C-alpha atoms as a PDB file:
ATOM      1  CA  MET A   1       0.000   0.000   0.000  1.00  0.00           C
ATOM      2  CA  SER A   2       1.404   3.381  -0.951  1.00  0.00           C
ATOM      3  CA  LYS A   3       1.927   6.227   1.476  1.00  0.00           C
ATOM      4  CA  SER A   4      -0.803   8.287  -0.218  1.00  0.00           C
ATOM      5  CA  GLU A   5      -3.249   5.365   0.097  1.00  0.00           C
ATOM      6  CA  LYS A   6      -2.461   5.061   3.812  1.00  0.00           C
ATOM      7  CA  GLU A   7      -3.041   8.791   4.263  1.00  0.00           C
ATOM      8  CA  ARG A   8      -6.313   8.610   2.357  1.00  0.00           C
ATOM      9  CA  ARG A   9      -7.536   5.741   4.549  1.00  0.00           C
ATOM     10  CA  LYS A  10      -6.458   7.605   7.666  1.00  0.00           C
ATOM     11  CA  GLN A  11      -8.438  10.636   6.552  1.00  0.00           C
ATOM     12  CA  LEU A  12     -11.506   8.532   5.755  1.00  0.00           C
ATOM     13  CA  LEU A  13     -11.351   6.985   9.221  1.00  0.00           C
ATOM     14  CA  ALA A  14     -11.002  10.408  10.833  1.00  0.00           C
ATOM     15  CA  ASP A  15     -13.966  11.686   8.812  1.00  0.00           C
ATOM     16  CA  LEU A  16     -16.088   8.697   9.887  1.00  0.00           C
ATOM     17  CA  ARG A  17     -15.217   9.268  13.547  1.00  0.00           C
ATOM     18  CA  GLN A  18     -16.059  12.950  13.257  1.00  0.00           C
ATOM     19  CA  LYS A  19     -19.383  12.151  11.584  1.00  0.00           C
ATOM     20  CA  ALA A  20     -20.246   9.581  14.271  1.00  0.00           C
ATOM     21  CA  ALA A  21     -19.405  12.095  17.011  1.00  0.00           C
ATOM     22  CA  ALA A  22     -21.586  14.746  15.361  1.00  0.00           C
ATOM     23  CA  GLU A  23     -24.487  12.295  15.031  1.00  0.00           C
ATOM     24  CA  PHE A  24     -24.109  11.301  18.677  1.00  0.00           C
ATOM     25  CA  GLU A  25     -24.213  14.946  19.780  1.00  0.00           C
ATOM     26  CA  LYS A  26     -27.272  15.552  17.632  1.00  0.00           C
ATOM     27  CA  SER A  27     -29.023  12.543  19.204  1.00  0.00           C
ATOM     28  CA  LEU A  28     -28.660  13.852  22.766  1.00  0.00           C
ATOM     29  CA  PRO A  29     -32.057  14.700  24.268  1.00  0.00           C
ATOM     30  CA  MET A  30     -30.497  17.117  26.768  1.00  0.00           C
ATOM     31  CA  SER A  31     -27.242  19.001  27.022  1.00  0.00           C
ATOM     32  CA  ARG A  32     -23.922  17.255  27.464  1.00  0.00           C
ATOM     33  CA  GLU A  33     -23.501  19.248  30.695  1.00  0.00           C
ATOM     34  CA  ASN A  34     -26.790  17.844  32.047  1.00  0.00           C
ATOM     35  CA  PHE A  35     -25.553  14.350  31.233  1.00  0.00           C
ATOM     36  CA  ARG A  36     -22.295  15.002  33.091  1.00  0.00           C
ATOM     37  CA  GLN A  37     -24.235  16.263  36.087  1.00  0.00           C
ATOM     38  CA  LEU A  38     -26.544  13.242  35.950  1.00  0.00           C
ATOM     39  CA  LEU A  39     -23.616  10.836  35.843  1.00  0.00           C
ATOM     40  CA  ASP A  40     -21.901  12.580  38.757  1.00  0.00           C
ATOM     41  CA  PHE A  41     -25.173  12.514  40.713  1.00  0.00           C
ATOM     42  CA  LEU A  42     -25.650   8.802  40.032  1.00  0.00           C
ATOM     43  CA  ASP A  43     -22.068   8.071  41.018  1.00  0.00           C
ATOM     44  CA  ASP A  44     -22.543   9.870  44.334  1.00  0.00           C
ATOM     45  CA  GLU A  45     -25.983   8.420  45.085  1.00  0.00           C
ATOM     46  CA  LEU A  46     -25.098   4.836  44.222  1.00  0.00           C
ATOM     47  CA  GLN A  47     -22.270   4.881  46.738  1.00  0.00           C
ATOM     48  CA  THR A  48     -24.812   4.983  49.564  1.00  0.00           C
ATOM     49  CA  LYS A  49     -27.903   3.485  47.918  1.00  0.00           C
ATOM     50  CA  GLU A  50     -28.494   0.245  46.077  1.00  0.00           C
ATOM     51  CA  CYS A  51     -29.795   0.243  42.536  1.00  0.00           C
ATOM     52  CA  ASP A  52     -33.456  -0.803  42.531  1.00  0.00           C
ATOM     53  CA  ASP A  53     -33.212  -2.059  38.932  1.00  0.00           C
ATOM     54  CA  LYS A  54     -35.163   1.014  37.809  1.00  0.00           C
ATOM     55  CA  LEU A  55     -34.310   4.561  36.846  1.00  0.00           C
ATOM     56  CA  THR A  56     -35.483   5.978  40.170  1.00  0.00           C
ATOM     57  CA  ILE A  57     -32.438   8.135  40.919  1.00  0.00           C
ATOM     58  CA  THR A  58     -32.148   9.220  37.292  1.00  0.00           C
ATOM     59  CA  THR A  59     -35.807  10.251  37.195  1.00  0.00           C
ATOM     60  CA  THR A  60     -35.403  12.183  40.449  1.00  0.00           C
ATOM     61  CA  PHE A  61     -32.430  14.039  38.976  1.00  0.00           C
ATOM     62  CA  LEU A  62     -34.328  14.881  35.782  1.00  0.00           C
ATOM     63  CA  HIS A  63     -37.322  16.248  37.689  1.00  0.00           C
ATOM     64  CA  ASN A  64     -35.140  18.177  40.148  1.00  0.00           C
ATOM     65  CA  HIS A  65     -33.296  19.807  37.235  1.00  0.00           C
ATOM     66  CA  ASN A  66     -36.497  20.752  35.417  1.00  0.00           C
ATOM     67  CA  ILE A  67     -35.738  18.600  32.380  1.00  0.00           C
ATOM     68  CA  SER A  68     -38.917  18.924  30.342  1.00  0.00           C
ATOM     69  CA  ASN A  69     -38.518  15.835  28.130  1.00  0.00           C
ATOM     70  CA  VAL A  70     -38.006  13.198  30.836  1.00  0.00           C
ATOM     71  CA  GLU A  71     -39.569  10.352  28.829  1.00  0.00           C
ATOM     72  CA  GLN A  72     -37.406  11.147  25.817  1.00  0.00           C
ATOM     73  CA  VAL A  73     -34.272  11.138  27.974  1.00  0.00           C
ATOM     74  CA  LEU A  74     -35.263   7.813  29.564  1.00  0.00           C
ATOM     75  CA  ARG A  75     -35.859   6.269  26.115  1.00  0.00           C
ATOM     76  CA  TRP A  76     -32.480   7.575  24.936  1.00  0.00           C
ATOM     77  CA  LEU A  77     -30.769   6.101  28.009  1.00  0.00           C
ATOM     78  CA  ALA A  78     -32.448   2.723  27.422  1.00  0.00           C
ATOM     79  CA  GLY A  79     -31.348   2.843  23.801  1.00  0.00           C
ATOM     80  CA  HIS A  80     -27.772   3.169  25.030  1.00  0.00           C
ATOM     81  CA  GLY A  81     -27.965   0.364  27.598  1.00  0.00           C
ATOM     82  CA  GLY A  82     -29.195   2.406  30.568  1.00  0.00           C
ATOM     83  CA  TYR A  83     -32.204   0.423  31.773  1.00  0.00           C
ATOM     84  CA  CYS A  84     -31.578   1.177  35.445  1.00  0.00           C
ATOM     85  CA  ASP A  85     -29.472   3.638  37.413  1.00  0.00           C
ATOM     86  CA  CYS A  86     -26.391   1.409  37.703  1.00  0.00           C
ATOM     87  CA  GLU A  87     -26.551   0.528  33.995  1.00  0.00           C
ATOM     88  CA  VAL A  88     -26.584   4.230  33.128  1.00  0.00           C
ATOM     89  CA  LEU A  89     -23.227   4.469  34.881  1.00  0.00           C
ATOM     90  CA  ALA A  90     -21.918   1.208  33.445  1.00  0.00           C
ATOM     91  CA  ASN A  91     -23.088   1.595  29.846  1.00  0.00           C
ATOM     92  CA  VAL A  92     -23.875   5.230  29.128  1.00  0.00           C
ATOM     93  CA  GLU A  93     -21.042   6.996  30.914  1.00  0.00           C
ATOM     94  CA  GLU A  94     -18.469   5.589  28.480  1.00  0.00           C
ATOM     95  CA  HIS A  95     -20.079   7.609  25.663  1.00  0.00           C
ATOM     96  CA  PHE A  96     -19.173  10.814  27.498  1.00  0.00           C
ATOM     97  CA  GLU A  97     -15.521  10.102  28.220  1.00  0.00           C
END
């Protein structure tokens, strides 16, 4: 493979990553900052409470922060593996690192 072909493939890969990142950002039902705050809140709360296999703590956070599209956020979380509070931390947090 020639050097120019390697560079072209590298650029294509970079373009695909950038497109995927842009699509991810566009899919977010609330701000990235709200997600960071949610994840921090869950991390703190789950140190002293057990997960009840629901989104109880997440829902509390969303209501306390006046998030207007709670159901949409919960659907988005489920679509990314967050079916309960501990799964939000385990499966969703990695998307924000």
